[in-house]
């Protein structure tokens, strides 16, 4: 099991935003988008995910309605 390391203010300010990235790139670059086991399971089952800020008002609705919000992680 991997340990969750909360983001620091510095890491959030210097983070790179990707519109689309592959699971393999997430794993090889150790991007910590989600825990490695979950990332591997999604990759093996061809299950894309969208990583977005749930704390921003309206973002969940935007994702559900198909707007481009956050980062698409796919095989």
Protein backbone atom coordinates (compact mmCIF):
# COMPACT_ATOMS: atom_id res chain seq x y z
CA UNK A 1 0.00 0.00 0.00
CA UNK A 2 1.30 3.46 -0.85
CA UNK A 3 1.30 6.23 1.70
CA UNK A 4 -0.69 9.39 0.96
CA UNK A 5 1.52 12.45 1.08
CA UNK A 6 -0.55 15.63 1.23
CA UNK A 7 0.44 18.33 -1.23
CA UNK A 8 2.43 21.25 0.07
CA UNK A 9 1.69 24.83 -0.91
CA UNK A 10 4.93 24.91 -2.93
CA UNK A 11 4.03 21.74 -4.85
CA UNK A 12 0.58 23.13 -5.66
CA UNK A 13 2.05 26.42 -6.91
CA UNK A 14 4.64 24.69 -9.10
CA UNK A 15 2.43 21.87 -10.40
CA UNK A 16 2.14 21.30 -14.14
CA UNK A 17 -1.39 21.03 -15.52
CA UNK A 18 -1.93 18.39 -18.19
CA UNK A 19 -5.05 18.34 -20.35
CA UNK A 20 -4.55 14.64 -21.15
CA UNK A 21 -1.98 12.19 -19.81
CA UNK A 22 -1.61 8.43 -19.91
CA UNK A 23 -1.64 6.14 -16.90
CA UNK A 24 1.85 4.98 -17.89
CA UNK A 25 3.15 8.56 -17.79
CA UNK A 26 1.54 9.10 -14.37
CA UNK A 27 3.24 6.00 -13.02
CA UNK A 28 6.64 6.56 -14.63
CA UNK A 29 6.76 10.22 -13.54
CA UNK A 30 5.41 9.38 -10.06
CA UNK A 31 2.81 12.15 -10.40
CA UNK A 32 0.70 10.92 -7.45
CA UNK A 33 -2.57 11.70 -9.22
CA UNK A 34 -4.05 8.86 -7.20
CA UNK A 35 -2.68 5.88 -5.33
CA UNK A 36 -0.56 3.60 -7.52
CA UNK A 37 -2.78 0.55 -7.02
CA UNK A 38 -5.91 2.43 -8.10
CA UNK A 39 -4.04 3.92 -11.06
CA UNK A 40 -2.83 0.46 -12.14
CA UNK A 41 -6.33 -1.03 -11.79
CA UNK A 42 -7.84 1.74 -13.93
CA UNK A 43 -5.08 1.27 -16.52
CA UNK A 44 -5.52 -2.52 -16.67
CA UNK A 45 -9.31 -2.18 -17.04
CA UNK A 46 -9.15 0.69 -19.54
CA UNK A 47 -11.12 2.94 -17.17
CA UNK A 48 -10.34 6.61 -17.81
CA UNK A 49 -10.51 9.09 -14.93
CA UNK A 50 -10.83 12.84 -14.71
CA UNK A 51 -8.80 14.59 -12.03
CA UNK A 52 -10.31 17.94 -11.08
CA UNK A 53 -10.79 20.35 -8.18
CA UNK A 54 -13.99 19.31 -6.40
CA UNK A 55 -13.71 22.33 -4.10
CA UNK A 56 -14.42 24.76 -6.95
CA UNK A 57 -18.13 25.54 -7.23
CA UNK A 58 -19.75 23.95 -10.27
CA UNK A 59 -16.83 21.70 -11.26
CA UNK A 60 -18.62 18.43 -10.53
CA UNK A 61 -21.55 19.53 -12.69
CA UNK A 62 -19.12 20.56 -15.44
CA UNK A 63 -17.45 17.14 -15.41
CA UNK A 64 -20.77 15.26 -15.44
CA UNK A 65 -22.09 17.35 -18.33
CA UNK A 66 -18.95 16.70 -20.38
CA UNK A 67 -17.20 20.05 -20.12
CA UNK A 68 -13.41 19.94 -20.24
CA UNK A 69 -12.36 20.36 -16.63
CA UNK A 70 -9.16 19.12 -15.06
CA UNK A 71 -7.02 16.35 -16.51
CA UNK A 72 -8.11 13.27 -18.40
CA UNK A 73 -6.02 10.24 -17.46
CA UNK A 74 -6.37 7.36 -19.93
CA UNK A 75 -4.62 4.34 -21.38
